[in-house]
Amino acid sequence: MKWLELLTVGGATLVAAVTVVVLYSLGVRLTAIAGDAQQASPRAKRSLAYICFGLCGVAVLFGLYLIIPYFSK
């Protein structure tokens, strides 16, 4: 078994999972902040939240693209 390749895949998986979780959490937090009536610019925060959710979706779709063999033909 090639241990360096296994560690590379494990590290890439860990980084990707942490990135998706952080983006989703940031999106939820920005949505909650934008819902507060005392905020100066709720539109900008809501737009950033939607961008975070969109990046999460792109990351998930890219992961599916890498996993499903039909797409890599």
C-alpha atoms as a PDB file:
ATOM      1  CA  MET A   1       0.000   0.000   0.000  1.00  0.00           C
ATOM      2  CA  LYS A   2       1.218   3.481  -0.769  1.00  0.00           C
ATOM      3  CA  TRP A   3       0.921   5.325   2.516  1.00  0.00           C
ATOM      4  CA  LEU A   4       1.779   8.769   1.158  1.00  0.00           C
ATOM      5  CA  GLU A   5      -1.086   8.607  -1.325  1.00  0.00           C
ATOM      6  CA  LEU A   6      -3.447   7.493   1.427  1.00  0.00           C
ATOM      7  CA  LEU A   7      -2.394  10.444   3.582  1.00  0.00           C
ATOM      8  CA  THR A   8      -2.803  12.802   0.616  1.00  0.00           C
ATOM      9  CA  VAL A   9      -6.372  11.619   0.004  1.00  0.00           C
ATOM     10  CA  GLY A  10      -7.179  11.792   3.710  1.00  0.00           C
ATOM     11  CA  GLY A  11      -5.776  15.320   3.977  1.00  0.00           C
ATOM     12  CA  ALA A  12      -7.664  16.502   0.894  1.00  0.00           C
ATOM     13  CA  THR A  13     -10.876  14.997   2.271  1.00  0.00           C
ATOM     14  CA  LEU A  14     -10.390  16.698   5.624  1.00  0.00           C
ATOM     15  CA  VAL A  15      -9.688  20.079   4.021  1.00  0.00           C
ATOM     16  CA  ALA A  16     -12.689  19.793   1.687  1.00  0.00           C
ATOM     17  CA  ALA A  17     -15.041  18.765   4.502  1.00  0.00           C
ATOM     18  CA  VAL A  18     -13.888  21.582   6.778  1.00  0.00           C
ATOM     19  CA  THR A  19     -14.237  24.098   3.930  1.00  0.00           C
ATOM     20  CA  VAL A  20     -17.820  23.060   3.155  1.00  0.00           C
ATOM     21  CA  VAL A  21     -18.813  23.114   6.833  1.00  0.00           C
ATOM     22  CA  VAL A  22     -17.244  26.541   7.398  1.00  0.00           C
ATOM     23  CA  LEU A  23     -18.910  28.003   4.298  1.00  0.00           C
ATOM     24  CA  TYR A  24     -22.302  26.631   5.312  1.00  0.00           C
ATOM     25  CA  SER A  25     -21.922  27.865   8.893  1.00  0.00           C
ATOM     26  CA  LEU A  26     -20.871  31.293   7.658  1.00  0.00           C
ATOM     27  CA  GLY A  27     -23.895  31.392   5.365  1.00  0.00           C
ATOM     28  CA  VAL A  28     -26.248  30.515   8.223  1.00  0.00           C
ATOM     29  CA  ARG A  29     -24.628  33.123  10.472  1.00  0.00           C
ATOM     30  CA  LEU A  30     -24.835  35.839   7.811  1.00  0.00           C
ATOM     31  CA  THR A  31     -28.486  34.980   7.178  1.00  0.00           C
ATOM     32  CA  ALA A  32     -29.226  35.330  10.891  1.00  0.00           C
ATOM     33  CA  ILE A  33     -27.375  38.643  11.077  1.00  0.00           C
ATOM     34  CA  ALA A  34     -29.187  39.955   8.000  1.00  0.00           C
ATOM     35  CA  GLY A  35     -32.521  39.173   9.673  1.00  0.00           C
ATOM     36  CA  ASP A  36     -31.714  41.531  12.545  1.00  0.00           C
ATOM     37  CA  ALA A  37     -33.614  44.814  12.227  1.00  0.00           C
ATOM     38  CA  GLN A  38     -30.768  46.944  13.600  1.00  0.00           C
ATOM     39  CA  GLN A  39     -28.218  46.056  10.908  1.00  0.00           C
ATOM     40  CA  ALA A  40     -27.005  48.801   8.579  1.00  0.00           C
ATOM     41  CA  SER A  41     -26.784  46.748   5.373  1.00  0.00           C
ATOM     42  CA  PRO A  42     -28.810  43.535   5.556  1.00  0.00           C
ATOM     43  CA  ARG A  43     -28.843  43.207   1.764  1.00  0.00           C
ATOM     44  CA  ALA A  44     -25.065  42.889   1.526  1.00  0.00           C
ATOM     45  CA  LYS A  45     -24.957  40.309   4.306  1.00  0.00           C
ATOM     46  CA  ARG A  46     -27.766  38.308   2.743  1.00  0.00           C
ATOM     47  CA  SER A  47     -25.965  38.391  -0.609  1.00  0.00           C
ATOM     48  CA  LEU A  48     -22.775  37.110   1.018  1.00  0.00           C
ATOM     49  CA  ALA A  49     -24.794  34.354   2.690  1.00  0.00           C
ATOM     50  CA  TYR A  50     -26.201  33.264  -0.661  1.00  0.00           C
ATOM     51  CA  ILE A  51     -22.704  33.284  -2.140  1.00  0.00           C
ATOM     52  CA  CYS A  52     -21.548  31.007   0.697  1.00  0.00           C
ATOM     53  CA  PHE A  53     -24.456  28.635   0.072  1.00  0.00           C
ATOM     54  CA  GLY A  54     -23.710  28.666  -3.648  1.00  0.00           C
ATOM     55  CA  LEU A  55     -20.054  27.799  -3.047  1.00  0.00           C
ATOM     56  CA  CYS A  56     -21.192  24.906  -0.838  1.00  0.00           C
ATOM     57  CA  GLY A  57     -23.378  23.652  -3.660  1.00  0.00           C
ATOM     58  CA  VAL A  58     -20.535  23.937  -6.158  1.00  0.00           C
ATOM     59  CA  ALA A  59     -18.222  22.005  -3.835  1.00  0.00           C
ATOM     60  CA  VAL A  60     -20.799  19.228  -3.411  1.00  0.00           C
ATOM     61  CA  LEU A  61     -21.416  19.011  -7.158  1.00  0.00           C
ATOM     62  CA  PHE A  62     -17.668  18.883  -7.824  1.00  0.00           C
ATOM     63  CA  GLY A  63     -17.344  16.067  -5.295  1.00  0.00           C
ATOM     64  CA  LEU A  64     -20.111  14.153  -7.046  1.00  0.00           C
ATOM     65  CA  TYR A  65     -18.380  14.753 -10.364  1.00  0.00           C
ATOM     66  CA  LEU A  66     -15.215  13.215  -8.973  1.00  0.00           C
ATOM     67  CA  ILE A  67     -16.991  10.228  -7.415  1.00  0.00           C
ATOM     68  CA  ILE A  68     -19.410   9.183 -10.180  1.00  0.00           C
ATOM     69  CA  PRO A  69     -17.512   7.328 -12.905  1.00  0.00           C
ATOM     70  CA  TYR A  70     -20.029   8.210 -15.641  1.00  0.00           C
ATOM     71  CA  PHE A  71     -18.917  11.854 -15.665  1.00  0.00           C
ATOM     72  CA  SER A  72     -15.209  11.143 -15.981  1.00  0.00           C
ATOM     73  CA  LYS A  73     -15.424   9.213 -19.263  1.00  0.00           C
END
